[in-house]
Protein backbone atom coordinates (compact mmCIF):
# COMPACT_ATOMS: atom_id res chain seq x y z
CA MET A 1 30.36 -1.55 37.53
CA LEU A 2 29.48 1.72 35.43
CA ARG A 3 31.61 0.33 32.56
CA ILE A 4 29.24 -2.67 31.63
CA PRO A 5 26.01 -0.83 31.25
CA VAL A 6 27.86 1.94 29.04
CA LEU A 7 29.51 -0.85 27.01
CA LEU A 8 26.28 -2.71 26.49
CA LEU A 9 24.47 0.70 25.45
CA CYS A 10 27.35 1.16 23.04
CA CYS A 11 27.01 -2.22 21.59
CA LEU A 12 23.21 -1.83 21.11
CA ALA A 13 23.55 1.61 19.63
CA GLY A 14 26.07 0.20 17.01
CA GLN A 15 23.11 -2.16 15.89
CA ALA A 16 20.52 0.46 15.69
CA THR A 17 18.96 0.62 12.07
CA ALA A 18 18.72 3.69 9.95
CA ALA A 19 15.37 5.21 10.05
CA THR A 20 13.86 7.73 7.54
CA VAL A 21 14.19 11.32 8.98
CA TYR A 22 11.66 13.96 8.00
CA LYS A 23 12.73 17.57 8.05
CA CYS A 24 9.85 19.99 8.74
CA VAL A 25 9.93 23.76 8.61
CA GLU A 26 7.33 25.32 11.29
CA ASN A 27 6.93 28.89 11.75
CA GLY A 28 10.36 29.29 9.79
CA ARG A 29 12.16 26.97 11.97
CA PRO A 30 13.33 23.41 10.96
CA SER A 31 12.66 20.44 13.13
CA TYR A 32 13.51 16.74 12.52
CA SER A 33 10.93 13.86 13.22
CA ASP A 34 10.39 10.28 12.50
CA ARG A 35 6.99 11.20 10.95
CA PRO A 36 6.14 13.25 8.18
CA CYS A 37 4.60 16.71 9.10
CA GLY A 38 2.11 17.41 6.41
CA ARG A 39 2.68 18.36 2.91
CA THR A 40 5.91 20.41 3.89
CA ALA A 41 7.95 17.48 4.92
CA VAL A 42 11.19 16.71 3.03
CA GLU A 43 12.28 13.14 3.30
CA LEU A 44 16.03 12.70 4.09
CA PRO A 45 17.87 9.88 2.72
CA ALA A 46 18.77 7.26 5.50
CA PRO A 47 22.36 6.67 5.97
CA SER A 48 23.68 3.42 4.67
CA SER A 49 24.40 0.59 7.08
CA GLY A 50 25.22 -2.88 7.16
CA ALA A 51 22.13 -3.99 9.02
CA ASP A 52 20.88 -7.53 9.14
CA PRO A 53 18.41 -8.96 6.85
CA GLU A 54 15.83 -9.60 9.87
CA THR A 55 16.02 -5.97 10.81
CA LEU A 56 15.44 -4.80 7.27
CA ALA A 57 12.41 -7.26 6.91
CA ARG A 58 11.04 -5.86 10.26
CA LEU A 59 11.62 -2.16 8.84
CA ALA A 60 9.99 -3.24 5.65
CA ARG A 61 6.80 -4.51 7.66
CA GLN A 62 6.68 -1.42 9.67
CA SER A 63 6.88 0.77 6.67
CA ALA A 64 4.17 -1.10 5.03
CA LEU A 65 2.14 -0.99 8.14
CA VAL A 66 2.50 2.98 8.27
CA GLN A 67 1.63 3.15 4.70
CA ASP A 68 -1.68 1.30 5.40
CA ILE A 69 -2.37 3.42 8.39
CA GLU A 70 -1.92 6.47 6.44
CA GLY A 71 -3.97 5.46 3.52
CA ALA A 72 -6.81 4.51 5.76
CA ARG A 73 -6.41 7.81 7.48
CA ALA A 74 -6.75 9.65 4.19
CA LEU A 75 -9.59 7.50 3.28
CA ARG A 76 -11.42 8.55 6.58
CA GLU A 77 -10.48 12.22 6.08
CA GLN A 78 -12.22 12.05 2.57
CA LYS A 79 -15.28 10.44 3.93
CA GLU A 80 -15.59 12.83 6.87
CA ALA A 81 -15.26 15.78 4.18
CA ARG A 82 -17.89 14.09 1.93
CA ASP A 83 -20.17 13.97 4.96
CA ALA A 84 -19.57 17.45 6.08
CA ALA A 85 -20.38 18.69 2.50
CA ARG A 86 -23.60 16.60 2.62
CA ILE A 87 -24.62 18.01 5.86
CA GLU A 88 -23.87 21.62 4.79
CA ARG A 89 -25.89 21.14 1.79
CA ALA A 90 -29.04 19.76 3.80
CA ALA A 91 -28.58 22.78 5.94
CA ALA A 92 -28.69 25.14 3.13
CA VAL A 93 -31.70 23.35 1.70
CA GLN A 94 -33.57 23.73 5.23
CA ARG A 95 -32.36 27.48 5.57
CA ARG A 96 -33.95 28.22 2.20
CA ARG A 97 -37.02 26.43 3.17
CA CYS A 98 -37.42 28.17 6.49
CA ASP A 99 -36.82 31.60 4.64
CA LYS A 100 -39.69 30.64 1.99
CA LEU A 101 -42.07 29.85 4.93
CA ARG A 102 -41.14 32.97 6.91
CA LEU A 103 -42.10 34.99 3.66
CA GLU A 104 -45.24 33.17 3.27
CA ALA A 105 -46.29 33.68 6.85
CA LYS A 106 -45.34 37.39 6.63
CA TRP A 107 -47.40 37.69 3.28
CA ALA A 108 -50.42 35.77 4.95
CA GLY A 109 -50.31 38.32 7.85
CA GLU A 110 -50.31 41.24 5.75
CA ASP A 111 -53.15 39.85 3.68
CA ALA A 112 -55.11 39.26 6.94
CA ALA A 113 -54.40 42.80 8.02
CA ARG A 114 -55.71 44.18 4.70
CA ALA A 115 -58.59 41.94 4.16
CA ALA A 116 -62.20 43.27 4.03
CA LYS A 117 -64.76 42.44 6.84
CA ASP A 118 -66.16 39.44 4.65
CA ASP A 119 -62.67 37.89 3.89
CA ALA A 120 -60.97 38.73 7.37
CA GLY A 121 -61.88 35.52 9.09
CA ALA A 122 -60.47 33.20 6.23
CA ALA A 123 -57.26 35.50 5.97
CA ARG A 124 -56.79 35.22 9.70
CA ILE A 125 -57.17 31.42 9.46
CA LYS A 126 -54.68 31.26 6.63
CA ALA A 127 -52.07 33.50 8.42
CA LYS A 128 -52.53 31.43 11.45
CA ARG A 129 -51.81 28.26 9.75
CA GLN A 130 -49.04 29.73 7.89
CA ALA A 131 -47.39 30.73 11.21
CA GLU A 132 -47.97 27.38 12.77
CA ALA A 133 -46.21 25.66 9.56
CA LEU A 134 -43.22 27.83 10.13
CA ALA A 135 -42.93 27.12 13.75
CA ALA A 136 -43.13 23.53 13.26
CA GLU A 137 -40.49 23.42 10.17
CA CYS A 138 -38.24 26.18 11.53
CA PRO A 139 -38.21 26.51 15.56
CA PRO A 140 -36.81 29.94 16.67
C-alpha cells in the first residue's frame, strides 16, 4: 500500500521542471529562493532537463507574467517616490510660509508695544490681524 504513493511521487518528481534559483545573502548568510531578493540576488543557472514543450511554454508564460508584475511594481514605486517628493516640497513651502507669518506677527506685536499713543490703536489692530492670519494658515 505504501509503495504506490511513494512510486507515484517519484514519477511526478522526475517530471518536475527546472526553475531559476536565486542566491541571496542576508546578514552574511546565504539563502536560496525562487524569487529575487533585491539587488544582491545572483541568478544561478537552471539545470538542463528534457522537459516537454508544454511545460517550457507554461514556464515562459509564467516568466513573462513575473516580468510584467515586476515592471508594474517598479512603476508603482517610482510614482510613489514622485508623490512623496511632491508632498515634501509642498510641506516645505507651507513651513516657509508659516515661518514668515510668525515673524510678521511677532514684528507687528513689537510695533504695537512701541507705538505712541496716537498710533497705538492702529498698531494693536494690525498685530491682532497678523495673529489671526497666522492662526488661520498655521494651526498650532
